[in-house]
Structure formats: structure tokens, C-alpha cells
Amino acid sequence: MERERILADMPELSVTLLEFSREHGQITVAEAASISHASRHTIKDHLKALVDQGHLVLHGAGRGAWYGLS
């Protein structure tokens, strides 16, 4: 029930990114761009928000960076 409330308050792109990372264990900016067709800048903003909210954890930096579940 709590999960549904959290997801309902999120933008659709953030929900998509979070669900992909749950299904695959991780997500990269390139994967996010491929599945969402959003700009890399927009994706990075959503991923940063998910990290700030504690839903994802950033691993690495630069081109090799990926996001996993916290």
C-alpha cells in the first residue's frame, strides 16, 4: 500500500526508471534513454531525484555509472 502511494506521487518517467531497475537489478542512462526516448538531461534529473529520495544508489561515475536499488 505504501509503495503504491509513493509511485502515485512520482512523475511517470521516474516510475518507469524505477520499475526497470527493479526488474533488471540496475539501470544506466543509456538504457533509460533507450526505453523512454527522453533526453539524457531529463533522465539524469529523474535519476538524481530517485537517488536523493533514497530509491536508487549511484555506482561509479561518468560513462560507466549505473544505478541500483538502495
PDB file of N, CA and C in Angstrom:
ATOM      1  N   MET A   1       0.817  -1.178   0.000  1.00  0.00           N
ATOM      2  CA  MET A   1       0.000   0.000   0.000  1.00  0.00           C
ATOM      3  C   MET A   1       0.870   1.256   0.000  1.00  0.00           C
ATOM      4  N   GLU A   2       1.917   1.278   0.829  1.00  0.00           N
ATOM      5  CA  GLU A   2       2.833   2.415   0.883  1.00  0.00           C
ATOM      6  C   GLU A   2       3.541   2.588  -0.466  1.00  0.00           C
ATOM      7  N   ARG A   3       3.939   1.484  -1.080  1.00  0.00           N
ATOM      8  CA  ARG A   3       4.621   1.526  -2.374  1.00  0.00           C
ATOM      9  C   ARG A   3       3.739   2.177  -3.438  1.00  0.00           C
ATOM     10  N   GLU A   4       2.476   1.840  -3.464  1.00  0.00           N
ATOM     11  CA  GLU A   4       1.562   2.416  -4.440  1.00  0.00           C
ATOM     12  C   GLU A   4       1.412   3.922  -4.242  1.00  0.00           C
ATOM     13  N   ARG A   5       1.383   4.365  -2.991  1.00  0.00           N
ATOM     14  CA  ARG A   5       1.254   5.795  -2.713  1.00  0.00           C
ATOM     15  C   ARG A   5       2.501   6.536  -3.183  1.00  0.00           C
ATOM     16  N   ILE A   6       3.658   5.961  -2.923  1.00  0.00           N
ATOM     17  CA  ILE A   6       4.913   6.589  -3.352  1.00  0.00           C
ATOM     18  C   ILE A   6       4.959   6.681  -4.870  1.00  0.00           C
ATOM     19  N   LEU A   7       4.632   5.599  -5.546  1.00  0.00           N
ATOM     20  CA  LEU A   7       4.660   5.592  -7.008  1.00  0.00           C
ATOM     21  C   LEU A   7       3.628   6.553  -7.596  1.00  0.00           C
ATOM     22  N   ALA A   8       2.482   6.694  -6.953  1.00  0.00           N
ATOM     23  CA  ALA A   8       1.443   7.591  -7.447  1.00  0.00           C
ATOM     24  C   ALA A   8       1.891   9.047  -7.402  1.00  0.00           C
ATOM     25  N   ASP A   9       2.783   9.377  -6.478  1.00  0.00           N
ATOM     26  CA  ASP A   9       3.267  10.755  -6.333  1.00  0.00           C
ATOM     27  C   ASP A   9       4.440  11.074  -7.246  1.00  0.00           C
ATOM     28  N   MET A  10       4.965  10.071  -7.952  1.00  0.00           N
ATOM     29  CA  MET A  10       6.139  10.254  -8.812  1.00  0.00           C
ATOM     30  C   MET A  10       5.736  10.572 -10.244  1.00  0.00           C
ATOM     31  N   PRO A  11       6.605  11.317 -10.948  1.00  0.00           N
ATOM     32  CA  PRO A  11       6.382  11.504 -12.384  1.00  0.00           C
ATOM     33  C   PRO A  11       6.457  10.151 -13.104  1.00  0.00           C
ATOM     34  N   GLU A  12       5.760  10.034 -14.201  1.00  0.00           N
ATOM     35  CA  GLU A  12       5.699   8.774 -14.941  1.00  0.00           C
ATOM     36  C   GLU A  12       7.085   8.273 -15.345  1.00  0.00           C
ATOM     37  N   LEU A  13       7.969   9.167 -15.767  1.00  0.00           N
ATOM     38  CA  LEU A  13       9.316   8.748 -16.166  1.00  0.00           C
ATOM     39  C   LEU A  13      10.069   8.146 -14.988  1.00  0.00           C
ATOM     40  N   SER A  14       9.951   8.740 -13.820  1.00  0.00           N
ATOM     41  CA  SER A  14      10.621   8.200 -12.631  1.00  0.00           C
ATOM     42  C   SER A  14      10.111   6.808 -12.294  1.00  0.00           C
ATOM     43  N   VAL A  15       8.818   6.602 -12.411  1.00  0.00           N
ATOM     44  CA  VAL A  15       8.237   5.282 -12.151  1.00  0.00           C
ATOM     45  C   VAL A  15       8.790   4.272 -13.148  1.00  0.00           C
ATOM     46  N   THR A  16       8.868   4.650 -14.417  1.00  0.00           N
ATOM     47  CA  THR A  16       9.399   3.770 -15.455  1.00  0.00           C
ATOM     48  C   THR A  16      10.839   3.384 -15.148  1.00  0.00           C
ATOM     49  N   LEU A  17      11.658   4.350 -14.773  1.00  0.00           N
ATOM     50  CA  LEU A  17      13.064   4.086 -14.468  1.00  0.00           C
ATOM     51  C   LEU A  17      13.208   3.190 -13.244  1.00  0.00           C
ATOM     52  N   LEU A  18      12.408   3.445 -12.238  1.00  0.00           N
ATOM     53  CA  LEU A  18      12.463   2.646 -11.020  1.00  0.00           C
ATOM     54  C   LEU A  18      12.009   1.209 -11.280  1.00  0.00           C
ATOM     55  N   GLU A  19      10.944   1.032 -12.042  1.00  0.00           N
ATOM     56  CA  GLU A  19      10.464  -0.315 -12.365  1.00  0.00           C
ATOM     57  C   GLU A  19      11.481  -1.082 -13.199  1.00  0.00           C
ATOM     58  N   PHE A  20      12.133  -0.413 -14.159  1.00  0.00           N
ATOM     59  CA  PHE A  20      13.162  -1.076 -14.966  1.00  0.00           C
ATOM     60  C   PHE A  20      14.307  -1.536 -14.071  1.00  0.00           C
ATOM     61  N   SER A  21      14.742  -0.673 -13.157  1.00  0.00           N
ATOM     62  CA  SER A  21      15.850  -1.046 -12.273  1.00  0.00           C
ATOM     63  C   SER A  21      15.450  -2.180 -11.336  1.00  0.00           C
ATOM     64  N   ARG A  22      14.191  -2.254 -10.941  1.00  0.00           N
ATOM     65  CA  ARG A  22      13.730  -3.370 -10.104  1.00  0.00           C
ATOM     66  C   ARG A  22      13.729  -4.669 -10.898  1.00  0.00           C
ATOM     67  N   GLU A  23      13.299  -4.613 -12.150  1.00  0.00           N
ATOM     68  CA  GLU A  23      13.232  -5.812 -12.987  1.00  0.00           C
ATOM     69  C   GLU A  23      14.616  -6.324 -13.377  1.00  0.00           C
ATOM     70  N   HIS A  24      15.566  -5.413 -13.626  1.00  0.00           N
ATOM     71  CA  HIS A  24      16.874  -5.798 -14.154  1.00  0.00           C
ATOM     72  C   HIS A  24      18.005  -5.657 -13.134  1.00  0.00           C
ATOM     73  N   GLY A  25      17.712  -5.140 -11.967  1.00  0.00           N
ATOM     74  CA  GLY A  25      18.730  -5.010 -10.929  1.00  0.00           C
ATOM     75  C   GLY A  25      19.544  -3.738 -11.012  1.00  0.00           C
ATOM     76  N   GLN A  26      19.523  -3.089 -12.163  1.00  0.00           N
ATOM     77  CA  GLN A  26      20.251  -1.842 -12.331  1.00  0.00           C
ATOM     78  C   GLN A  26      19.764  -1.141 -13.590  1.00  0.00           C
ATOM     79  N   ILE A  27      20.186   0.123 -13.751  1.00  0.00           N
ATOM     80  CA  ILE A  27      19.844   0.881 -14.944  1.00  0.00           C
ATOM     81  C   ILE A  27      20.961   1.882 -15.221  1.00  0.00           C
ATOM     82  N   THR A  28      21.248   2.097 -16.494  1.00  0.00           N
ATOM     83  CA  THR A  28      22.204   3.112 -16.915  1.00  0.00           C
ATOM     84  C   THR A  28      21.444   4.218 -17.629  1.00  0.00           C
ATOM     85  N   VAL A  29      22.110   5.348 -17.840  1.00  0.00           N
ATOM     86  CA  VAL A  29      21.481   6.448 -18.563  1.00  0.00           C
ATOM     87  C   VAL A  29      21.160   6.004 -19.992  1.00  0.00           C
ATOM     88  N   ALA A  30      22.055   5.245 -20.607  1.00  0.00           N
ATOM     89  CA  ALA A  30      21.822   4.767 -21.978  1.00  0.00           C
ATOM     90  C   ALA A  30      20.594   3.857 -22.046  1.00  0.00           C
ATOM     91  N   GLU A  31      20.461   2.955 -21.079  1.00  0.00           N
ATOM     92  CA  GLU A  31      19.273   2.086 -21.049  1.00  0.00           C
ATOM     93  C   GLU A  31      18.011   2.910 -20.852  1.00  0.00           C
ATOM     94  N   ALA A  32      18.091   3.891 -19.964  1.00  0.00           N
ATOM     95  CA  ALA A  32      16.934   4.744 -19.698  1.00  0.00           C
ATOM     96  C   ALA A  32      16.531   5.514 -20.949  1.00  0.00           C
ATOM     97  N   ALA A  33      17.500   6.010 -21.688  1.00  0.00           N
ATOM     98  CA  ALA A  33      17.203   6.731 -22.928  1.00  0.00           C
ATOM     99  C   ALA A  33      16.567   5.801 -23.950  1.00  0.00           C
ATOM    100  N   SER A  34      17.029   4.581 -23.997  1.00  0.00           N
ATOM    101  CA  SER A  34      16.503   3.611 -24.955  1.00  0.00           C
ATOM    102  C   SER A  34      15.048   3.252 -24.664  1.00  0.00           C
ATOM    103  N   ILE A  35      14.706   3.073 -23.408  1.00  0.00           N
ATOM    104  CA  ILE A  35      13.336   2.647 -23.087  1.00  0.00           C
ATOM    105  C   ILE A  35      12.355   3.802 -22.999  1.00  0.00           C
ATOM    106  N   SER A  36      12.855   5.019 -22.740  1.00  0.00           N
ATOM    107  CA  SER A  36      11.929   6.130 -22.510  1.00  0.00           C
ATOM    108  C   SER A  36      11.889   7.144 -23.651  1.00  0.00           C
ATOM    109  N   HIS A  37      12.933   7.185 -24.460  1.00  0.00           N
ATOM    110  CA  HIS A  37      13.057   8.160 -25.547  1.00  0.00           C
ATOM    111  C   HIS A  37      13.080   9.601 -25.031  1.00  0.00           C
ATOM    112  N   ALA A  38      13.399   9.773 -23.756  1.00  0.00           N
ATOM    113  CA  ALA A  38      13.559  11.108 -23.173  1.00  0.00           C
ATOM    114  C   ALA A  38      15.006  11.554 -23.378  1.00  0.00           C
ATOM    115  N   SER A  39      15.258  12.844 -23.227  1.00  0.00           N
ATOM    116  CA  SER A  39      16.628  13.347 -23.384  1.00  0.00           C
ATOM    117  C   SER A  39      17.496  12.876 -22.220  1.00  0.00           C
ATOM    118  N   ARG A  40      18.787  12.781 -22.470  1.00  0.00           N
ATOM    119  CA  ARG A  40      19.720  12.339 -21.436  1.00  0.00           C
ATOM    120  C   ARG A  40      19.677  13.302 -20.235  1.00  0.00           C
ATOM    121  N   HIS A  41      19.519  14.583 -20.506  1.00  0.00           N
ATOM    122  CA  HIS A  41      19.463  15.568 -19.421  1.00  0.00           C
ATOM    123  C   HIS A  41      18.244  15.312 -18.524  1.00  0.00           C
ATOM    124  N   THR A  42      17.103  15.077 -19.132  1.00  0.00           N
ATOM    125  CA  THR A  42      15.879  14.798 -18.372  1.00  0.00           C
ATOM    126  C   THR A  42      16.042  13.519 -17.562  1.00  0.00           C
ATOM    127  N   ILE A  43      16.611  12.497 -18.173  1.00  0.00           N
ATOM    128  CA  ILE A  43      16.824  11.218 -17.482  1.00  0.00           C
ATOM    129  C   ILE A  43      17.740  11.413 -16.284  1.00  0.00           C
ATOM    130  N   LYS A  44      18.836  12.144 -16.470  1.00  0.00           N
ATOM    131  CA  LYS A  44      19.761  12.382 -15.368  1.00  0.00           C
ATOM    132  C   LYS A  44      19.075  13.117 -14.217  1.00  0.00           C
ATOM    133  N   ASP A  45      18.204  14.063 -14.542  1.00  0.00           N
ATOM    134  CA  ASP A  45      17.459  14.781 -13.497  1.00  0.00           C
ATOM    135  C   ASP A  45      16.567  13.822 -12.703  1.00  0.00           C
ATOM    136  N   HIS A  46      15.876  12.926 -13.406  1.00  0.00           N
ATOM    137  CA  HIS A  46      14.992  11.974 -12.736  1.00  0.00           C
ATOM    138  C   HIS A  46      15.792  10.968 -11.908  1.00  0.00           C
ATOM    139  N   LEU A  47      16.908  10.491 -12.452  1.00  0.00           N
ATOM    140  CA  LEU A  47      17.740   9.544 -11.704  1.00  0.00           C
ATOM    141  C   LEU A  47      18.318  10.200 -10.456  1.00  0.00           C
ATOM    142  N   LYS A  48      18.755  11.454 -10.575  1.00  0.00           N
ATOM    143  CA  LYS A  48      19.277  12.172  -9.406  1.00  0.00           C
ATOM    144  C   LYS A  48      18.200  12.313  -8.340  1.00  0.00           C
ATOM    145  N   ALA A  49      16.975  12.632  -8.762  1.00  0.00           N
ATOM    146  CA  ALA A  49      15.870  12.752  -7.800  1.00  0.00           C
ATOM    147  C   ALA A  49      15.608  11.419  -7.109  1.00  0.00           C
ATOM    148  N   LEU A  50      15.671  10.318  -7.857  1.00  0.00           N
ATOM    149  CA  LEU A  50      15.458   8.997  -7.262  1.00  0.00           C
ATOM    150  C   LEU A  50      16.570   8.652  -6.273  1.00  0.00           C
ATOM    151  N   VAL A  51      17.790   9.079  -6.555  1.00  0.00           N
ATOM    152  CA  VAL A  51      18.901   8.884  -5.611  1.00  0.00           C
ATOM    153  C   VAL A  51      18.671   9.733  -4.368  1.00  0.00           C
ATOM    154  N   ASP A  52      18.309  10.998  -4.570  1.00  0.00           N
ATOM    155  CA  ASP A  52      18.075  11.910  -3.438  1.00  0.00           C
ATOM    156  C   ASP A  52      16.940  11.423  -2.536  1.00  0.00           C
ATOM    157  N   GLN A  53      15.941  10.761  -3.136  1.00  0.00           N
ATOM    158  CA  GLN A  53      14.804  10.247  -2.374  1.00  0.00           C
ATOM    159  C   GLN A  53      15.110   8.889  -1.732  1.00  0.00           C
ATOM    160  N   GLY A  54      16.268   8.309  -2.037  1.00  0.00           N
ATOM    161  CA  GLY A  54      16.662   7.044  -1.436  1.00  0.00           C
ATOM    162  C   GLY A  54      16.152   5.804  -2.154  1.00  0.00           C
ATOM    163  N   HIS A  55      15.617   5.958  -3.357  1.00  0.00           N
ATOM    164  CA  HIS A  55      15.113   4.799  -4.103  1.00  0.00           C
ATOM    165  C   HIS A  55      16.216   4.080  -4.868  1.00  0.00           C
ATOM    166  N   LEU A  56      17.213   4.841  -5.338  1.00  0.00           N
ATOM    167  CA  LEU A  56      18.318   4.280  -6.098  1.00  0.00           C
ATOM    168  C   LEU A  56      19.638   4.733  -5.497  1.00  0.00           C
ATOM    169  N   VAL A  57      20.705   3.996  -5.838  1.00  0.00           N
ATOM    170  CA  VAL A  57      22.055   4.344  -5.414  1.00  0.00           C
ATOM    171  C   VAL A  57      22.922   4.439  -6.660  1.00  0.00           C
ATOM    172  N   LEU A  58      23.707   5.516  -6.769  1.00  0.00           N
ATOM    173  CA  LEU A  58      24.613   5.702  -7.887  1.00  0.00           C
ATOM    174  C   LEU A  58      25.887   4.917  -7.632  1.00  0.00           C
ATOM    175  N   HIS A  59      26.307   4.145  -8.639  1.00  0.00           N
ATOM    176  CA  HIS A  59      27.550   3.379  -8.571  1.00  0.00           C
ATOM    177  C   HIS A  59      28.454   3.848  -9.707  1.00  0.00           C
ATOM    178  N   GLY A  60      29.652   4.288  -9.375  1.00  0.00           N
ATOM    179  CA  GLY A  60      30.586   4.736 -10.394  1.00  0.00           C
ATOM    180  C   GLY A  60      30.351   6.180 -10.796  1.00  0.00           C
ATOM    181  N   ALA A  61      31.064   6.572 -11.860  1.00  0.00           N
ATOM    182  CA  ALA A  61      30.962   7.943 -12.361  1.00  0.00           C
ATOM    183  C   ALA A  61      31.198   7.939 -13.863  1.00  0.00           C
ATOM    184  N   GLY A  62      30.738   8.979 -14.500  1.00  0.00           N
ATOM    185  CA  GLY A  62      30.955   9.121 -15.934  1.00  0.00           C
ATOM    186  C   GLY A  62      30.216   8.073 -16.746  1.00  0.00           C
ATOM    187  N   ARG A  63      30.829   7.660 -17.840  1.00  0.00           N
ATOM    188  CA  ARG A  63      30.178   6.736 -18.768  1.00  0.00           C
ATOM    189  C   ARG A  63      29.899   5.368 -18.159  1.00  0.00           C
ATOM    190  N   GLY A  64      30.658   4.980 -17.158  1.00  0.00           N
ATOM    191  CA  GLY A  64      30.478   3.671 -16.544  1.00  0.00           C
ATOM    192  C   GLY A  64      29.495   3.663 -15.383  1.00  0.00           C
ATOM    193  N   ALA A  65      28.878   4.783 -15.114  1.00  0.00           N
ATOM    194  CA  ALA A  65      27.964   4.876 -13.967  1.00  0.00           C
ATOM    195  C   ALA A  65      26.692   4.082 -14.216  1.00  0.00           C
ATOM    196  N   TRP A  66      26.184   3.513 -13.125  1.00  0.00           N
ATOM    197  CA  TRP A  66      24.907   2.820 -13.171  1.00  0.00           C
ATOM    198  C   TRP A  66      24.199   3.022 -11.845  1.00  0.00           C
ATOM    199  N   TYR A  67      22.911   2.782 -11.866  1.00  0.00           N
ATOM    200  CA  TYR A  67      22.060   2.992 -10.688  1.00  0.00           C
ATOM    201  C   TYR A  67      21.439   1.674 -10.287  1.00  0.00           C
ATOM    202  N   GLY A  68      21.514   1.374  -8.992  1.00  0.00           N
ATOM    203  CA  GLY A  68      20.919   0.156  -8.471  1.00  0.00           C
ATOM    204  C   GLY A  68      19.963   0.482  -7.337  1.00  0.00           C
ATOM    205  N   LEU A  69      19.213  -0.511  -6.954  1.00  0.00           N
ATOM    206  CA  LEU A  69      18.266  -0.331  -5.854  1.00  0.00           C
ATOM    207  C   LEU A  69      19.006  -0.085  -4.557  1.00  0.00           C
ATOM    208  N   SER A  70      18.426   0.755  -3.739  1.00  0.00           N
ATOM    209  CA  SER A  70      19.064   1.032  -2.441  1.00  0.00           C
ATOM    210  C   SER A  70      18.698  -0.015  -1.423  1.00  0.00           C
TER     211      SER A  70
END
